[in-house]
Amino acid sequence: MKIPLEIQKIRDPDGTSRFKAIVSLQDAIAHSSHSQKLIQIQDEYSKSVDSWQRMLEQIRSSRRNEADSQFQWKLADAIYSFVKWIENENYIFANFSEALTRDVGISRSRLNYLMKFRTYYPFIDRVHKKINWSKYQEILDIRSVEARKICEERILSGKIRTDRDVRDFKKRYREAKYLINDV
């Protein structure tokens, strides 16, 4: 059974801020061997936050970088890999969204899209350079793998050119799906 873990930002008496990985008192008592692992997690989290902030700064530094889906994937992969590492250590990052919003300065919405992006596209070579980040965000709202692939193909062939075209595709797909299900 995985143990819920939270990362809190605390302030030492000298005013220095740092991260603290915590588990419930019940889990701490039941599994007294946590302390070394929690120290390792909080150290890795601190290093990761610095790295994620640098990546986010680089992405935000220009419109070109902001639109670059492969830059976005690299940030998504770094965050996803950290979360999976925690899970492999038999913990669950219970305040994941709250902590990253607070510590990295990333919105919950963007964070959700990044995690979905990394989940749907587990390898960077599946991310097309010709499809920008805003189109991928629209594509990520499509639940069907088949429909996402069709949408990507239409973008790459030039049949879908704008984010609005992607939204129209999603709407037509939903309508067609309902018609098929009603038969």
Protein backbone atom coordinates (compact mmCIF):
# COMPACT_ATOMS: atom_id res chain seq x y z
CA MET A 1 0.00 0.00 0.00
CA LYS A 2 1.33 3.41 -0.99
CA ILE A 3 1.69 6.04 1.71
CA PRO A 4 0.32 9.56 1.12
CA LEU A 5 3.11 12.14 1.21
CA GLU A 6 2.92 15.92 1.11
CA ILE A 7 5.61 18.43 0.33
CA GLN A 8 5.30 21.52 2.52
CA LYS A 9 7.25 24.74 2.28
CA ILE A 10 8.47 25.73 5.73
CA ARG A 11 10.39 28.70 7.07
CA ASP A 12 13.24 28.12 9.49
CA PRO A 13 13.70 30.48 12.50
CA ASP A 14 16.43 32.30 10.54
CA GLY A 15 13.90 33.04 7.74
CA THR A 16 15.22 30.48 5.26
CA SER A 17 12.54 28.67 3.27
CA ARG A 18 12.93 24.99 2.51
CA PHE A 19 10.84 21.98 1.55
CA LYS A 20 9.75 19.28 3.96
CA ALA A 21 8.34 15.90 2.93
CA ILE A 22 5.78 14.73 5.47
CA VAL A 23 3.54 11.73 6.10
CA SER A 24 0.75 11.33 8.61
CA LEU A 25 1.64 10.58 12.21
CA GLN A 26 -0.07 7.21 11.88
CA ASP A 27 2.11 6.29 8.87
CA ALA A 28 5.24 7.61 10.58
CA ILE A 29 4.60 5.41 13.63
CA ALA A 30 3.66 2.34 11.58
CA HIS A 31 6.71 2.68 9.31
CA SER A 32 9.51 4.15 11.39
CA SER A 33 12.06 3.70 8.57
CA HIS A 34 10.65 6.65 6.59
CA SER A 35 12.95 9.42 7.77
CA GLN A 36 15.89 8.74 5.42
CA LYS A 37 13.61 8.22 2.44
CA LEU A 38 11.68 11.42 3.21
CA ILE A 39 14.94 13.38 3.40
CA GLN A 40 15.93 11.97 0.03
CA ILE A 41 12.53 12.90 -1.46
CA GLN A 42 12.62 16.46 -0.15
CA ASP A 43 16.19 16.92 -1.46
CA GLU A 44 15.20 15.59 -4.90
CA TYR A 45 12.10 17.77 -4.87
CA SER A 46 14.16 20.86 -4.11
CA LYS A 47 16.55 20.12 -7.01
CA SER A 48 13.63 19.30 -9.29
CA VAL A 49 11.79 22.54 -8.46
CA ASP A 50 14.89 24.52 -9.47
CA SER A 51 15.11 22.58 -12.73
CA TRP A 52 11.39 22.93 -13.49
CA GLN A 53 11.52 26.67 -12.81
CA ARG A 54 14.45 27.06 -15.23
CA MET A 55 12.61 25.04 -17.88
CA LEU A 56 9.46 27.10 -17.38
CA GLU A 57 11.46 30.36 -17.62
CA GLN A 58 12.98 29.16 -20.87
CA ILE A 59 9.54 28.23 -22.23
CA ARG A 60 8.09 31.60 -21.20
CA SER A 61 11.06 33.53 -22.60
CA SER A 62 9.58 33.74 -26.10
CA ARG A 63 6.45 33.00 -28.07
CA ARG A 64 8.39 30.53 -30.13
CA ASN A 65 9.40 28.54 -27.04
CA GLU A 66 5.88 28.81 -25.59
CA ALA A 67 4.48 27.24 -28.77
CA ASP A 68 7.17 24.54 -28.96
CA SER A 69 5.41 21.28 -28.09
CA GLN A 70 8.71 19.46 -27.58
CA PHE A 71 9.84 22.00 -24.97
CA GLN A 72 6.51 21.47 -23.24
CA TRP A 73 6.95 17.69 -23.42
CA LYS A 74 10.38 17.91 -21.78
CA LEU A 75 8.92 19.84 -18.85
CA ALA A 76 6.02 17.39 -18.68
CA ASP A 77 8.43 14.44 -18.70
CA ALA A 78 10.56 15.90 -15.90
CA ILE A 79 7.52 16.42 -13.66
CA TYR A 80 5.94 13.08 -14.59
CA SER A 81 9.21 11.23 -13.93
CA PHE A 82 9.49 12.74 -10.45
CA VAL A 83 5.90 11.76 -9.58
CA LYS A 84 6.50 8.21 -10.86
CA TRP A 85 9.75 8.00 -8.88
CA ILE A 86 7.83 8.86 -5.69
CA GLU A 87 5.23 6.21 -6.55
CA ASN A 88 8.00 3.64 -7.11
CA GLU A 89 9.20 4.45 -3.58
CA ASN A 90 5.70 3.43 -2.34
CA TYR A 91 4.40 6.94 -1.73
CA ILE A 92 1.64 8.99 -3.32
CA PHE A 93 2.33 12.68 -3.87
CA ALA A 94 -0.91 13.76 -2.19
CA ASN A 95 -0.59 17.54 -2.66
CA PHE A 96 1.01 17.39 -6.10
CA SER A 97 -1.02 20.17 -7.77
CA GLU A 98 -0.92 22.43 -4.74
CA ALA A 99 2.84 22.02 -4.25
CA LEU A 100 3.82 22.60 -7.88
CA THR A 101 1.49 25.57 -8.21
CA ARG A 102 3.05 27.08 -5.09
CA ASP A 103 6.69 26.15 -5.70
CA VAL A 104 7.11 26.24 -9.49
CA GLY A 105 4.60 28.96 -10.32
CA ILE A 106 2.66 26.82 -12.76
CA SER A 107 -1.13 26.94 -12.99
CA ARG A 108 -3.18 23.87 -12.13
CA SER A 109 -4.66 23.93 -15.62
CA ARG A 110 -1.25 23.93 -17.30
CA LEU A 111 -0.04 21.25 -14.92
CA ASN A 112 -3.02 19.05 -15.79
CA TYR A 113 -2.37 19.51 -19.51
CA LEU A 114 1.32 18.70 -19.06
CA MET A 115 0.56 15.49 -17.15
CA LYS A 116 -2.05 14.47 -19.71
CA PHE A 117 0.43 15.29 -22.51
CA ARG A 118 3.14 13.08 -20.99
CA THR A 119 0.63 10.28 -20.35
CA TYR A 120 -0.83 10.33 -23.89
CA TYR A 121 2.60 10.81 -25.51
CA PRO A 122 5.05 8.72 -23.49
CA PHE A 123 7.93 9.29 -25.94
CA ILE A 124 9.08 12.61 -27.36
CA ASP A 125 9.37 11.13 -30.86
CA ARG A 126 5.55 10.85 -30.88
CA VAL A 127 5.28 14.64 -30.48
CA HIS A 128 5.20 16.34 -33.87
CA LYS A 129 7.28 19.50 -34.17
CA LYS A 130 4.76 20.84 -36.70
CA ILE A 131 1.95 20.78 -34.13
CA ASN A 132 2.25 23.65 -31.67
CA TRP A 133 1.45 23.50 -27.95
CA SER A 134 -1.93 25.25 -28.19
CA LYS A 135 -3.14 22.68 -30.73
CA TYR A 136 -1.87 19.85 -28.53
CA GLN A 137 -3.82 21.31 -25.61
CA GLU A 138 -6.96 21.14 -27.77
CA ILE A 139 -6.08 17.60 -28.88
CA LEU A 140 -5.59 16.49 -25.26
CA ASP A 141 -9.27 17.15 -24.60
CA ILE A 142 -10.15 14.36 -27.06
CA ARG A 143 -10.58 11.12 -25.12
CA SER A 144 -10.44 8.73 -28.06
CA VAL A 145 -6.94 7.71 -29.14
CA GLU A 146 -8.26 7.13 -32.65
CA ALA A 147 -9.84 10.58 -32.86
CA ARG A 148 -6.65 12.23 -31.53
CA LYS A 149 -4.64 10.49 -34.26
CA ILE A 150 -7.10 11.56 -36.95
CA CYS A 151 -6.95 15.14 -35.69
CA GLU A 152 -3.13 15.08 -35.70
CA GLU A 153 -3.09 13.70 -39.25
CA ARG A 154 -5.42 16.47 -40.39
CA ILE A 155 -3.23 19.11 -38.77
CA LEU A 156 -0.11 17.67 -40.40
CA SER A 157 -1.81 17.48 -43.82
CA GLY A 158 -3.00 21.09 -43.54
CA LYS A 159 -6.72 20.27 -43.38
CA ILE A 160 -6.81 21.68 -39.84
CA ARG A 161 -4.90 24.96 -39.53
CA THR A 162 -6.08 26.80 -36.42
CA ASP A 163 -7.01 26.05 -32.82
CA ARG A 164 -10.58 26.94 -33.81
CA ASP A 165 -10.42 24.23 -36.51
CA VAL A 166 -9.37 21.71 -33.84
CA ARG A 167 -12.32 22.76 -31.66
CA ASP A 168 -14.65 22.36 -34.65
CA PHE A 169 -13.19 18.88 -35.26
CA LYS A 170 -13.85 17.96 -31.61
CA LYS A 171 -17.42 19.22 -31.85
CA ARG A 172 -18.10 17.30 -35.09
CA TYR A 173 -16.50 14.18 -33.60
CA ARG A 174 -18.69 14.37 -30.48
CA GLU A 175 -21.81 14.90 -32.59
CA ALA A 176 -20.95 11.96 -34.88
CA LYS A 177 -20.20 9.76 -31.87
CA TYR A 178 -23.60 10.56 -30.35
CA LEU A 179 -25.33 9.77 -33.66
CA ILE A 180 -23.56 6.40 -33.86
CA ASN A 181 -24.42 5.57 -30.22
CA ASP A 182 -28.10 6.47 -30.76
CA VAL A 183 -28.54 3.93 -33.59
